[in-house]
Amino acid sequence: MEALHRLYYTTVGGVHKNSHTLFLLRGFAMRAVPRWWTEWRREALLRQFDHLPQEEQAEVQQRVDYYCRLSAPAALPADAPTLGEQRYHDCASAYFFDTYEWNRYFPRHLRWWLVPGDVNHLLPHPSITKSRPIAAPEVNCNSVLMKLNKVRHYIFFRDPFATAEKENRIIFRGAVHGKPLRATFFEKFFGHPMFDILDTSTNSVYAEHMQLHGETSLYDHLRFKYIMCLEGNDVASNLKWVMHSNSLAVCPRPTMETWFMEGTLIPNYHYIEVRPDFSDLLERIDYYNEHPAEAEAIVRHAHDYCHQFQSRRRERLVSLMVMEKYFRMTKQK
């Protein structure tokens, strides 16, 4: 019975990582659509905003202004490429297709600046990026967030286990080498009976103390009530799917953010906050083990937060409005 349960949820149940092959197939199919068609549709898609209820308009506009904080006209570098110059080999496929998905709605002559990869620093001029440091808008206005590398970062599914059914322990899988926050966590808790943690670095200093393991599936993660979400090069990439599950995300307050707007998360409301040195981690877990109703409330709040990212129609509208604002504030529209 257990084998059938696992088979169902890890196949049709969606409890698995996104398929990169399917992502590529969709991307190449998207490129087959004539660009004149998508450019022609742009204004009609943007006008959908006018037909939204007033409350929803406010929510959409708030997200657009959060992602694109440019409040005054700003200049791009003189050598900024045009949209028409975008080529598949210029960056990783995930960044190419995730930007082309929205660039194709705008004229080829418009200029832009893309900074792909894990961006954890301030940028000198208006740039499209996946991540940015959490900072005041006036400090970090040049980093314009788009939903990039979503094949890796955005995994939503129905958790097969209720929160109360899960094991009252903590799981973490991730590379530790070169990531100070994760190194501190491992130094404190590696080998502790409350924790099931493995360093997936190829040159792990913990290798001699770890038995050989295959990749731990998302299904196996979901057996645990608590999942550590620790920043590495930028954000904690598992935070999004953990908050959509019936497990509780445990982490220090985020210092980086993406399209998921990590900077708006409320500690101990959307996730369990612990100190950056993890000195209160066991105390916090003991508290929620003894107060299951509060743990269940955090799971509900996290689900409500994730809901805003699950409407394809709204995600399309917000994405187009962010790009529209970017071109307008860089004095091109």
C-alpha atoms as a PDB file:
ATOM      1  CA  MET A   1       0.000   0.000   0.000  1.00  0.00           C
ATOM      2  CA  GLU A   2       2.852   2.350   0.862  1.00  0.00           C
ATOM      3  CA  ALA A   3       4.485   1.646  -2.511  1.00  0.00           C
ATOM      4  CA  LEU A   4       1.255   2.483  -4.363  1.00  0.00           C
ATOM      5  CA  HIS A   5       0.798   5.663  -2.307  1.00  0.00           C
ATOM      6  CA  ARG A   6       4.332   6.789  -3.160  1.00  0.00           C
ATOM      7  CA  LEU A   7       3.938   5.867  -6.840  1.00  0.00           C
ATOM      8  CA  TYR A   8       0.709   7.834  -7.190  1.00  0.00           C
ATOM      9  CA  TYR A   9       1.944  11.028  -5.530  1.00  0.00           C
ATOM     10  CA  THR A  10       5.364  11.020  -7.178  1.00  0.00           C
ATOM     11  CA  THR A  11       3.822  10.653 -10.651  1.00  0.00           C
ATOM     12  CA  VAL A  12       0.297  11.962 -11.257  1.00  0.00           C
ATOM     13  CA  GLY A  13       0.172  13.569  -7.795  1.00  0.00           C
ATOM     14  CA  GLY A  14       2.865  16.042  -8.773  1.00  0.00           C
ATOM     15  CA  VAL A  15       5.170  15.527  -5.779  1.00  0.00           C
ATOM     16  CA  HIS A  16       8.346  15.749  -7.839  1.00  0.00           C
ATOM     17  CA  LYS A  17      10.686  18.297  -9.333  1.00  0.00           C
ATOM     18  CA  ASN A  18       9.702  19.974 -12.579  1.00  0.00           C
ATOM     19  CA  SER A  19      10.827  18.277 -15.779  1.00  0.00           C
ATOM     20  CA  HIS A  20      13.546  20.275 -17.522  1.00  0.00           C
ATOM     21  CA  THR A  21      12.807  18.366 -20.741  1.00  0.00           C
ATOM     22  CA  LEU A  22       9.162  19.482 -20.718  1.00  0.00           C
ATOM     23  CA  PHE A  23      10.306  23.012 -19.903  1.00  0.00           C
ATOM     24  CA  LEU A  24      12.568  23.033 -22.981  1.00  0.00           C
ATOM     25  CA  LEU A  25       9.858  21.594 -25.233  1.00  0.00           C
ATOM     26  CA  ARG A  26       7.446  24.286 -24.094  1.00  0.00           C
ATOM     27  CA  GLY A  27      10.116  26.927 -24.623  1.00  0.00           C
ATOM     28  CA  PHE A  28      10.876  25.909 -28.206  1.00  0.00           C
ATOM     29  CA  ALA A  29       7.142  25.664 -28.958  1.00  0.00           C
ATOM     30  CA  MET A  30       6.767  29.214 -27.618  1.00  0.00           C
ATOM     31  CA  ARG A  31       9.470  30.426 -29.997  1.00  0.00           C
ATOM     32  CA  ALA A  32       7.514  28.979 -32.928  1.00  0.00           C
ATOM     33  CA  VAL A  33       4.699  31.490 -32.326  1.00  0.00           C
ATOM     34  CA  PRO A  34       5.139  34.513 -34.648  1.00  0.00           C
ATOM     35  CA  ARG A  35       6.340  37.553 -32.767  1.00  0.00           C
ATOM     36  CA  TRP A  36       3.987  39.879 -34.583  1.00  0.00           C
ATOM     37  CA  TRP A  37       1.116  37.951 -32.982  1.00  0.00           C
ATOM     38  CA  THR A  38       2.371  38.347 -29.405  1.00  0.00           C
ATOM     39  CA  GLU A  39       3.200  42.049 -29.946  1.00  0.00           C
ATOM     40  CA  TRP A  40      -0.289  42.598 -31.346  1.00  0.00           C
ATOM     41  CA  ARG A  41      -1.860  40.953 -28.285  1.00  0.00           C
ATOM     42  CA  ARG A  42       0.114  42.977 -25.715  1.00  0.00           C
ATOM     43  CA  GLU A  43      -2.257  45.906 -25.326  1.00  0.00           C
ATOM     44  CA  ALA A  44      -5.321  43.676 -25.044  1.00  0.00           C
ATOM     45  CA  LEU A  45      -3.612  41.622 -22.304  1.00  0.00           C
ATOM     46  CA  LEU A  46      -2.570  44.750 -20.422  1.00  0.00           C
ATOM     47  CA  ARG A  47      -6.130  46.119 -20.600  1.00  0.00           C
ATOM     48  CA  GLN A  48      -7.277  43.127 -18.534  1.00  0.00           C
ATOM     49  CA  PHE A  49      -6.103  45.156 -15.551  1.00  0.00           C
ATOM     50  CA  ASP A  50      -8.916  47.680 -16.157  1.00  0.00           C
ATOM     51  CA  HIS A  51     -11.553  44.953 -15.826  1.00  0.00           C
ATOM     52  CA  LEU A  52     -10.343  43.606 -12.492  1.00  0.00           C
ATOM     53  CA  PRO A  53     -12.226  44.389  -9.267  1.00  0.00           C
ATOM     54  CA  GLN A  54     -10.735  47.403  -7.493  1.00  0.00           C
ATOM     55  CA  GLU A  55      -9.288  45.305  -4.681  1.00  0.00           C
ATOM     56  CA  GLU A  56      -7.559  42.990  -7.130  1.00  0.00           C
ATOM     57  CA  GLN A  57      -6.241  45.951  -9.104  1.00  0.00           C
ATOM     58  CA  ALA A  58      -4.612  47.239  -5.926  1.00  0.00           C
ATOM     59  CA  GLU A  59      -3.007  43.852  -5.254  1.00  0.00           C
ATOM     60  CA  VAL A  60      -1.658  43.563  -8.798  1.00  0.00           C
ATOM     61  CA  GLN A  61      -0.310  47.124  -8.821  1.00  0.00           C
ATOM     62  CA  GLN A  62       1.321  46.577  -5.437  1.00  0.00           C
ATOM     63  CA  ARG A  63       3.175  43.556  -6.783  1.00  0.00           C
ATOM     64  CA  VAL A  64       4.236  45.393  -9.952  1.00  0.00           C
ATOM     65  CA  ASP A  65       5.653  48.287  -7.922  1.00  0.00           C
ATOM     66  CA  TYR A  66       7.364  45.870  -5.542  1.00  0.00           C
ATOM     67  CA  TYR A  67       9.170  44.089  -8.369  1.00  0.00           C
ATOM     68  CA  CYS A  68      10.010  47.251 -10.312  1.00  0.00           C
ATOM     69  CA  ARG A  69      10.923  49.963  -7.811  1.00  0.00           C
ATOM     70  CA  LEU A  70      11.988  52.507 -10.396  1.00  0.00           C
ATOM     71  CA  SER A  71      10.167  55.705  -9.441  1.00  0.00           C
ATOM     72  CA  ALA A  72      12.012  58.150 -11.703  1.00  0.00           C
ATOM     73  CA  PRO A  73      13.372  57.879 -15.248  1.00  0.00           C
ATOM     74  CA  ALA A  74      16.708  56.042 -15.368  1.00  0.00           C
ATOM     75  CA  ALA A  75      19.171  55.479 -18.179  1.00  0.00           C
ATOM     76  CA  LEU A  76      20.473  52.149 -19.418  1.00  0.00           C
ATOM     77  CA  PRO A  77      24.143  51.685 -20.421  1.00  0.00           C
ATOM     78  CA  ALA A  78      24.943  52.811 -23.954  1.00  0.00           C
ATOM     79  CA  ASP A  79      25.757  49.240 -24.934  1.00  0.00           C
ATOM     80  CA  ALA A  80      22.517  47.752 -23.618  1.00  0.00           C
ATOM     81  CA  PRO A  81      21.304  45.139 -26.144  1.00  0.00           C
ATOM     82  CA  THR A  82      17.927  45.249 -27.848  1.00  0.00           C
ATOM     83  CA  LEU A  83      15.286  42.584 -27.356  1.00  0.00           C
ATOM     84  CA  GLY A  84      15.811  41.572 -30.967  1.00  0.00           C
ATOM     85  CA  GLU A  85      19.443  40.689 -30.186  1.00  0.00           C
ATOM     86  CA  GLN A  86      18.489  38.119 -27.546  1.00  0.00           C
ATOM     87  CA  ARG A  87      19.965  34.719 -28.463  1.00  0.00           C
ATOM     88  CA  TYR A  88      19.501  31.267 -26.979  1.00  0.00           C
ATOM     89  CA  HIS A  89      23.224  30.783 -26.321  1.00  0.00           C
ATOM     90  CA  ASP A  90      23.607  34.084 -24.426  1.00  0.00           C
ATOM     91  CA  CYS A  91      22.637  32.565 -21.061  1.00  0.00           C
ATOM     92  CA  ALA A  92      21.314  29.374 -19.489  1.00  0.00           C
ATOM     93  CA  SER A  93      18.168  28.019 -21.143  1.00  0.00           C
ATOM     94  CA  ALA A  94      16.046  28.670 -18.043  1.00  0.00           C
ATOM     95  CA  TYR A  95      16.876  32.376 -18.138  1.00  0.00           C
ATOM     96  CA  PHE A  96      16.513  32.617 -21.905  1.00  0.00           C
ATOM     97  CA  PHE A  97      13.035  31.105 -22.078  1.00  0.00           C
ATOM     98  CA  ASP A  98      11.774  32.777 -18.890  1.00  0.00           C
ATOM     99  CA  THR A  99      12.709  36.221 -20.240  1.00  0.00           C
ATOM    100  CA  TYR A 100      11.718  35.512 -23.844  1.00  0.00           C
ATOM    101  CA  GLU A 101       8.260  34.499 -22.610  1.00  0.00           C
ATOM    102  CA  TRP A 102       7.567  38.204 -21.873  1.00  0.00           C
ATOM    103  CA  ASN A 103      10.069  39.982 -24.137  1.00  0.00           C
ATOM    104  CA  ARG A 104       8.284  38.614 -27.194  1.00  0.00           C
ATOM    105  CA  TYR A 105       5.299  40.860 -26.415  1.00  0.00           C
ATOM    106  CA  PHE A 106       7.383  44.031 -26.887  1.00  0.00           C
ATOM    107  CA  PRO A 107       9.013  45.631 -29.973  1.00  0.00           C
ATOM    108  CA  ARG A 108      12.444  44.294 -30.884  1.00  0.00           C
ATOM    109  CA  HIS A 109      14.108  47.722 -30.811  1.00  0.00           C
ATOM    110  CA  LEU A 110      13.572  48.222 -27.052  1.00  0.00           C
ATOM    111  CA  ARG A 111      16.723  47.914 -24.945  1.00  0.00           C
ATOM    112  CA  TRP A 112      17.194  46.066 -21.686  1.00  0.00           C
ATOM    113  CA  TRP A 113      19.847  44.738 -19.328  1.00  0.00           C
ATOM    114  CA  LEU A 114      19.658  41.161 -18.016  1.00  0.00           C
ATOM    115  CA  VAL A 115      21.763  39.931 -15.087  1.00  0.00           C
ATOM    116  CA  PRO A 116      21.195  36.150 -14.952  1.00  0.00           C
ATOM    117  CA  GLY A 117      22.161  33.780 -12.170  1.00  0.00           C
ATOM    118  CA  ASP A 118      22.244  34.214  -8.406  1.00  0.00           C
ATOM    119  CA  VAL A 119      22.398  37.972  -7.860  1.00  0.00           C
ATOM    120  CA  ASN A 120      23.180  38.884  -4.234  1.00  0.00           C
ATOM    121  CA  HIS A 121      24.510  42.419  -4.659  1.00  0.00           C
ATOM    122  CA  LEU A 122      23.260  45.856  -5.675  1.00  0.00           C
ATOM    123  CA  LEU A 123      23.259  46.681  -9.383  1.00  0.00           C
ATOM    124  CA  PRO A 124      24.501  49.938 -10.962  1.00  0.00           C
ATOM    125  CA  HIS A 125      21.725  50.410 -13.538  1.00  0.00           C
ATOM    126  CA  PRO A 126      18.169  49.146 -14.184  1.00  0.00           C
ATOM    127  CA  SER A 127      18.462  45.394 -14.715  1.00  0.00           C
ATOM    128  CA  ILE A 128      16.176  42.390 -15.032  1.00  0.00           C
ATOM    129  CA  THR A 129      17.216  39.817 -12.452  1.00  0.00           C
ATOM    130  CA  LYS A 130      16.013  36.767 -10.553  1.00  0.00           C
ATOM    131  CA  SER A 131      17.110  37.838  -7.078  1.00  0.00           C
ATOM    132  CA  ARG A 132      18.238  40.851  -5.085  1.00  0.00           C
ATOM    133  CA  PRO A 133      19.186  41.756  -1.505  1.00  0.00           C
ATOM    134  CA  ILE A 134      16.267  42.783   0.674  1.00  0.00           C
ATOM    135  CA  ALA A 135      16.759  46.519   1.096  1.00  0.00           C
ATOM    136  CA  ALA A 136      14.823  49.758   1.105  1.00  0.00           C
ATOM    137  CA  PRO A 137      13.419  50.727  -2.327  1.00  0.00           C
ATOM    138  CA  GLU A 138      15.605  53.806  -2.599  1.00  0.00           C
ATOM    139  CA  VAL A 139      18.701  51.663  -1.976  1.00  0.00           C
ATOM    140  CA  ASN A 140      17.861  48.813  -4.304  1.00  0.00           C
ATOM    141  CA  CYS A 141      15.724  50.270  -7.087  1.00  0.00           C
ATOM    142  CA  ASN A 142      17.837  49.019 -10.011  1.00  0.00           C
ATOM    143  CA  SER A 143      17.141  45.308  -9.463  1.00  0.00           C
ATOM    144  CA  VAL A 144      13.881  44.615 -11.306  1.00  0.00           C
ATOM    145  CA  LEU A 145      12.615  41.179 -10.347  1.00  0.00           C
ATOM    146  CA  MET A 146      11.132  38.777 -12.856  1.00  0.00           C
ATOM    147  CA  LYS A 147      10.047  35.164 -12.407  1.00  0.00           C
ATOM    148  CA  LEU A 148      13.248  33.532 -13.655  1.00  0.00           C
ATOM    149  CA  ASN A 149      14.549  29.964 -13.428  1.00  0.00           C
ATOM    150  CA  LYS A 150      11.049  28.950 -12.431  1.00  0.00           C
ATOM    151  CA  VAL A 151      11.567  25.363 -13.586  1.00  0.00           C
ATOM    152  CA  ARG A 152      13.778  24.966 -10.496  1.00  0.00           C
ATOM    153  CA  HIS A 153      12.226  27.368  -8.032  1.00  0.00           C
ATOM    154  CA  TYR A 154       8.449  27.067  -8.484  1.00  0.00           C
ATOM    155  CA  ILE A 155       7.129  23.624  -7.583  1.00  0.00           C
ATOM    156  CA  PHE A 156       3.574  23.509  -6.265  1.00  0.00           C
ATOM    157  CA  PHE A 157       1.759  20.279  -5.392  1.00  0.00           C
ATOM    158  CA  ARG A 158      -0.729  18.749  -2.958  1.00  0.00           C
ATOM    159  CA  ASP A 159       0.995  17.349   0.114  1.00  0.00           C
ATOM    160  CA  PRO A 160      -0.140  13.746   0.747  1.00  0.00           C
ATOM    161  CA  PHE A 161       0.529  14.015   4.494  1.00  0.00           C
ATOM    162  CA  ALA A 162      -1.352  16.119   7.037  1.00  0.00           C
ATOM    163  CA  THR A 163       0.792  18.213   9.366  1.00  0.00           C
ATOM    164  CA  ALA A 164      -0.227  16.156  12.403  1.00  0.00           C
ATOM    165  CA  GLU A 165       0.863  12.930  10.676  1.00  0.00           C
ATOM    166  CA  LYS A 166       4.423  14.089  10.083  1.00  0.00           C
ATOM    167  CA  GLU A 167       7.498  13.168  12.067  1.00  0.00           C
ATOM    168  CA  ASN A 168       8.464  15.819  14.640  1.00  0.00           C
ATOM    169  CA  ARG A 169      11.989  16.141  13.292  1.00  0.00           C
ATOM    170  CA  ILE A 170      13.921  18.423  10.945  1.00  0.00           C
ATOM    171  CA  ILE A 171      15.240  17.621   7.479  1.00  0.00           C
ATOM    172  CA  PHE A 172      17.672  19.490   5.256  1.00  0.00           C
ATOM    173  CA  ARG A 173      19.424  18.642   2.021  1.00  0.00           C
ATOM    174  CA  GLY A 174      21.752  21.090   0.337  1.00  0.00           C
ATOM    175  CA  ALA A 175      25.276  22.059  -0.589  1.00  0.00           C
ATOM    176  CA  VAL A 176      27.244  23.533   2.313  1.00  0.00           C
ATOM    177  CA  HIS A 177      30.633  24.343   0.774  1.00  0.00           C
ATOM    178  CA  GLY A 178      31.079  28.093   0.383  1.00  0.00           C
ATOM    179  CA  LYS A 179      27.772  28.893   2.114  1.00  0.00           C
ATOM    180  CA  PRO A 180      28.439  30.339   5.609  1.00  0.00           C
ATOM    181  CA  LEU A 181      24.874  30.118   6.960  1.00  0.00           C
ATOM    182  CA  ARG A 182      24.592  26.431   6.078  1.00  0.00           C
ATOM    183  CA  ALA A 183      28.079  25.751   7.457  1.00  0.00           C
ATOM    184  CA  THR A 184      27.059  27.220  10.828  1.00  0.00           C
ATOM    185  CA  PHE A 185      23.934  25.065  10.848  1.00  0.00           C
ATOM    186  CA  PHE A 186      25.894  21.878  10.109  1.00  0.00           C
ATOM    187  CA  GLU A 187      28.553  22.631  12.702  1.00  0.00           C
ATOM    188  CA  LYS A 188      25.854  22.797  15.361  1.00  0.00           C
ATOM    189  CA  PHE A 189      23.531  19.974  14.396  1.00  0.00           C
ATOM    190  CA  PHE A 190      25.193  17.407  12.161  1.00  0.00           C
ATOM    191  CA  GLY A 191      24.646  14.027  13.836  1.00  0.00           C
ATOM    192  CA  HIS A 192      21.989  15.324  16.251  1.00  0.00           C
ATOM    193  CA  PRO A 193      19.097  12.820  16.616  1.00  0.00           C
ATOM    194  CA  MET A 194      16.475  15.531  15.976  1.00  0.00           C
ATOM    195  CA  PHE A 195      17.939  16.210  12.530  1.00  0.00           C
ATOM    196  CA  ASP A 196      18.135  14.338   9.242  1.00  0.00           C
ATOM    197  CA  ILE A 197      20.628  16.505   7.358  1.00  0.00           C
ATOM    198  CA  LEU A 198      23.034  15.804   4.522  1.00  0.00           C
ATOM    199  CA  ASP A 199      25.575  17.981   2.754  1.00  0.00           C
ATOM    200  CA  THR A 200      25.223  17.470  -0.989  1.00  0.00           C
ATOM    201  CA  SER A 201      28.498  19.281  -1.830  1.00  0.00           C
ATOM    202  CA  THR A 202      30.809  17.157  -3.975  1.00  0.00           C
ATOM    203  CA  ASN A 203      33.681  18.041  -1.646  1.00  0.00           C
ATOM    204  CA  SER A 204      31.751  17.782   1.615  1.00  0.00           C
ATOM    205  CA  VAL A 205      33.818  17.793   4.787  1.00  0.00           C
ATOM    206  CA  TYR A 206      31.097  15.573   6.273  1.00  0.00           C
ATOM    207  CA  ALA A 207      31.461  12.885   3.594  1.00  0.00           C
ATOM    208  CA  GLU A 208      33.376  10.418   5.766  1.00  0.00           C
ATOM    209  CA  HIS A 209      30.612  10.576   8.395  1.00  0.00           C
ATOM    210  CA  MET A 210      27.756  10.064   5.924  1.00  0.00           C
ATOM    211  CA  GLN A 211      26.593   6.829   4.419  1.00  0.00           C
ATOM    212  CA  LEU A 212      26.048   6.883   0.671  1.00  0.00           C
ATOM    213  CA  HIS A 213      22.573   8.163  -0.141  1.00  0.00           C
ATOM    214  CA  GLY A 214      20.720   8.688  -3.372  1.00  0.00           C
ATOM    215  CA  GLU A 215      18.824  11.903  -3.890  1.00  0.00           C
ATOM    216  CA  THR A 216      16.158  12.405  -1.233  1.00  0.00           C
ATOM    217  CA  SER A 217      12.841  12.864  -3.029  1.00  0.00           C
ATOM    218  CA  LEU A 218      10.334  15.587  -2.269  1.00  0.00           C
ATOM    219  CA  TYR A 219       7.989  12.833  -1.098  1.00  0.00           C
ATOM    220  CA  ASP A 220      10.500  11.786   1.570  1.00  0.00           C
ATOM    221  CA  HIS A 221      11.001  15.405   2.653  1.00  0.00           C
ATOM    222  CA  LEU A 222       7.267  15.674   3.273  1.00  0.00           C
ATOM    223  CA  ARG A 223       7.363  13.014   5.984  1.00  0.00           C
ATOM    224  CA  PHE A 224       9.017  15.594   8.251  1.00  0.00           C
ATOM    225  CA  LYS A 225       7.062  18.331  10.028  1.00  0.00           C
ATOM    226  CA  TYR A 226       9.966  20.781   9.847  1.00  0.00           C
ATOM    227  CA  ILE A 227      12.085  21.565   6.772  1.00  0.00           C
ATOM    228  CA  MET A 228      15.075  23.895   6.987  1.00  0.00           C
ATOM    229  CA  CYS A 229      15.121  26.575   4.278  1.00  0.00           C
ATOM    230  CA  LEU A 230      18.625  28.032   4.284  1.00  0.00           C
ATOM    231  CA  GLU A 231      19.969  30.661   1.925  1.00  0.00           C
ATOM    232  CA  GLY A 232      22.920  29.611  -0.204  1.00  0.00           C
ATOM    233  CA  ASN A 233      24.165  31.831  -3.041  1.00  0.00           C
ATOM    234  CA  ASP A 234      20.988  33.879  -2.835  1.00  0.00           C
ATOM    235  CA  VAL A 235      17.570  32.687  -1.632  1.00  0.00           C
ATOM    236  CA  ALA A 236      16.617  29.333  -0.145  1.00  0.00           C
ATOM    237  CA  SER A 237      15.382  27.620  -3.304  1.00  0.00           C
ATOM    238  CA  ASN A 238      13.123  25.180  -1.404  1.00  0.00           C
ATOM    239  CA  LEU A 239      11.206  27.841   0.551  1.00  0.00           C
ATOM    240  CA  LYS A 240       8.445  28.158  -2.041  1.00  0.00           C
ATOM    241  CA  TRP A 241       7.443  24.492  -2.187  1.00  0.00           C
ATOM    242  CA  VAL A 242       7.907  24.025   1.564  1.00  0.00           C
ATOM    243  CA  MET A 243       5.456  26.846   2.254  1.00  0.00           C
ATOM    244  CA  HIS A 244       3.011  25.231  -0.157  1.00  0.00           C
ATOM    245  CA  SER A 245       3.304  21.892   1.672  1.00  0.00           C
ATOM    246  CA  ASN A 246       1.872  20.853   5.042  1.00  0.00           C
ATOM    247  CA  SER A 247       5.341  21.024   6.611  1.00  0.00           C
ATOM    248  CA  LEU A 248       6.671  24.139   8.300  1.00  0.00           C
ATOM    249  CA  ALA A 249       9.497  26.189   6.828  1.00  0.00           C
ATOM    250  CA  VAL A 250      12.206  26.958   9.395  1.00  0.00           C
ATOM    251  CA  CYS A 251      14.816  29.629   8.692  1.00  0.00           C
ATOM    252  CA  PRO A 252      16.463  32.845   9.820  1.00  0.00           C
ATOM    253  CA  ARG A 253      14.814  35.972   8.462  1.00  0.00           C
ATOM    254  CA  PRO A 254      15.537  36.116   4.691  1.00  0.00           C
ATOM    255  CA  THR A 255      18.169  38.558   3.440  1.00  0.00           C
ATOM    256  CA  MET A 256      17.486  37.922  -0.274  1.00  0.00           C
ATOM    257  CA  GLU A 257      14.290  37.954  -2.318  1.00  0.00           C
ATOM    258  CA  THR A 258      12.867  36.886  -5.662  1.00  0.00           C
ATOM    259  CA  TRP A 259       9.493  37.003  -7.442  1.00  0.00           C
ATOM    260  CA  PHE A 260       8.216  35.181  -4.317  1.00  0.00           C
ATOM    261  CA  MET A 261       8.641  38.480  -2.420  1.00  0.00           C
ATOM    262  CA  GLU A 262      10.477  36.926   0.508  1.00  0.00           C
ATOM    263  CA  GLY A 263      10.849  40.416   1.954  1.00  0.00           C
ATOM    264  CA  THR A 264       7.092  40.515   2.698  1.00  0.00           C
ATOM    265  CA  LEU A 265       6.994  37.260   4.672  1.00  0.00           C
ATOM    266  CA  ILE A 266       5.987  37.620   8.329  1.00  0.00           C
ATOM    267  CA  PRO A 267       8.126  35.685  10.838  1.00  0.00           C
ATOM    268  CA  ASN A 268       6.256  33.107  12.916  1.00  0.00           C
ATOM    269  CA  TYR A 269       3.190  33.710  10.757  1.00  0.00           C
ATOM    270  CA  HIS A 270       4.336  32.343   7.382  1.00  0.00           C
ATOM    271  CA  TYR A 271       7.382  30.440   8.655  1.00  0.00           C
ATOM    272  CA  ILE A 272       9.218  29.676  11.890  1.00  0.00           C
ATOM    273  CA  GLU A 273      11.961  32.233  12.422  1.00  0.00           C
ATOM    274  CA  VAL A 274      15.183  31.246  14.170  1.00  0.00           C
ATOM    275  CA  ARG A 275      18.320  33.245  14.933  1.00  0.00           C
ATOM    276  CA  PRO A 276      21.091  33.289  12.302  1.00  0.00           C
ATOM    277  CA  ASP A 277      23.363  31.423  14.736  1.00  0.00           C
ATOM    278  CA  PHE A 278      20.592  28.808  15.320  1.00  0.00           C
ATOM    279  CA  SER A 279      20.986  29.135  19.096  1.00  0.00           C
ATOM    280  CA  ASP A 280      17.198  29.004  19.591  1.00  0.00           C
ATOM    281  CA  LEU A 281      16.377  26.379  16.968  1.00  0.00           C
ATOM    282  CA  LEU A 282      15.674  23.457  19.305  1.00  0.00           C
ATOM    283  CA  GLU A 283      13.684  25.713  21.614  1.00  0.00           C
ATOM    284  CA  ARG A 284      11.517  26.904  18.710  1.00  0.00           C
ATOM    285  CA  ILE A 285      10.845  23.358  17.514  1.00  0.00           C
ATOM    286  CA  ASP A 286       9.937  22.224  21.032  1.00  0.00           C
ATOM    287  CA  TYR A 287       7.498  25.126  21.260  1.00  0.00           C
ATOM    288  CA  TYR A 288       5.615  24.192  18.102  1.00  0.00           C
ATOM    289  CA  ASN A 289       5.624  20.511  19.031  1.00  0.00           C
ATOM    290  CA  GLU A 290       3.842  21.539  22.224  1.00  0.00           C
ATOM    291  CA  HIS A 291       1.511  23.985  20.433  1.00  0.00           C
ATOM    292  CA  PRO A 292       0.249  22.073  17.359  1.00  0.00           C
ATOM    293  CA  ALA A 293      -2.612  24.516  16.739  1.00  0.00           C
ATOM    294  CA  GLU A 294      -0.111  27.328  16.213  1.00  0.00           C
ATOM    295  CA  ALA A 295       1.904  25.114  13.877  1.00  0.00           C
ATOM    296  CA  GLU A 296      -1.228  24.370  11.840  1.00  0.00           C
ATOM    297  CA  ALA A 297      -1.972  28.096  11.665  1.00  0.00           C
ATOM    298  CA  ILE A 298       1.471  28.807  10.161  1.00  0.00           C
ATOM    299  CA  VAL A 299       0.820  26.156   7.511  1.00  0.00           C
ATOM    300  CA  ARG A 300      -2.528  27.774   6.621  1.00  0.00           C
ATOM    301  CA  HIS A 301      -0.997  31.244   6.414  1.00  0.00           C
ATOM    302  CA  ALA A 302       1.794  29.926   4.195  1.00  0.00           C
ATOM    303  CA  HIS A 303      -0.756  28.306   1.874  1.00  0.00           C
ATOM    304  CA  ASP A 304      -2.700  31.568   1.643  1.00  0.00           C
ATOM    305  CA  TYR A 305       0.511  33.419   0.753  1.00  0.00           C
ATOM    306  CA  CYS A 306       1.425  30.933  -2.000  1.00  0.00           C
ATOM    307  CA  HIS A 307      -2.045  31.195  -3.524  1.00  0.00           C
ATOM    308  CA  GLN A 308      -1.271  34.603  -5.079  1.00  0.00           C
ATOM    309  CA  PHE A 309       1.343  33.004  -7.376  1.00  0.00           C
ATOM    310  CA  GLN A 310      -0.831  30.201  -8.722  1.00  0.00           C
ATOM    311  CA  SER A 311      -3.108  32.008 -11.169  1.00  0.00           C
ATOM    312  CA  ARG A 312      -1.527  31.812 -14.621  1.00  0.00           C
ATOM    313  CA  ARG A 313      -3.650  34.707 -15.833  1.00  0.00           C
ATOM    314  CA  ARG A 314      -2.572  36.971 -12.976  1.00  0.00           C
ATOM    315  CA  GLU A 315       1.082  35.952 -13.277  1.00  0.00           C
ATOM    316  CA  ARG A 316       0.978  36.843 -16.970  1.00  0.00           C
ATOM    317  CA  LEU A 317      -0.599  40.234 -16.278  1.00  0.00           C
ATOM    318  CA  VAL A 318       1.856  41.109 -13.507  1.00  0.00           C
ATOM    319  CA  SER A 319       4.827  40.024 -15.652  1.00  0.00           C
ATOM    320  CA  LEU A 320       3.725  42.129 -18.624  1.00  0.00           C
ATOM    321  CA  MET A 321       3.064  45.124 -16.386  1.00  0.00           C
ATOM    322  CA  VAL A 322       6.520  44.849 -14.812  1.00  0.00           C
ATOM    323  CA  MET A 323       8.173  44.798 -18.240  1.00  0.00           C
ATOM    324  CA  GLU A 324       5.957  47.664 -19.430  1.00  0.00           C
ATOM    325  CA  LYS A 325       6.986  49.728 -16.409  1.00  0.00           C
ATOM    326  CA  TYR A 326      10.665  48.834 -16.933  1.00  0.00           C
ATOM    327  CA  PHE A 327      10.617  50.111 -20.528  1.00  0.00           C
ATOM    328  CA  ARG A 328       8.645  53.199 -19.510  1.00  0.00           C
ATOM    329  CA  MET A 329      10.995  54.119 -16.652  1.00  0.00           C
ATOM    330  CA  THR A 330      14.046  53.634 -18.859  1.00  0.00           C
ATOM    331  CA  LYS A 331      12.552  56.290 -21.163  1.00  0.00           C
ATOM    332  CA  GLN A 332      11.694  53.971 -24.047  1.00  0.00           C
ATOM    333  CA  LYS A 333       7.889  54.108 -24.006  1.00  0.00           C
END
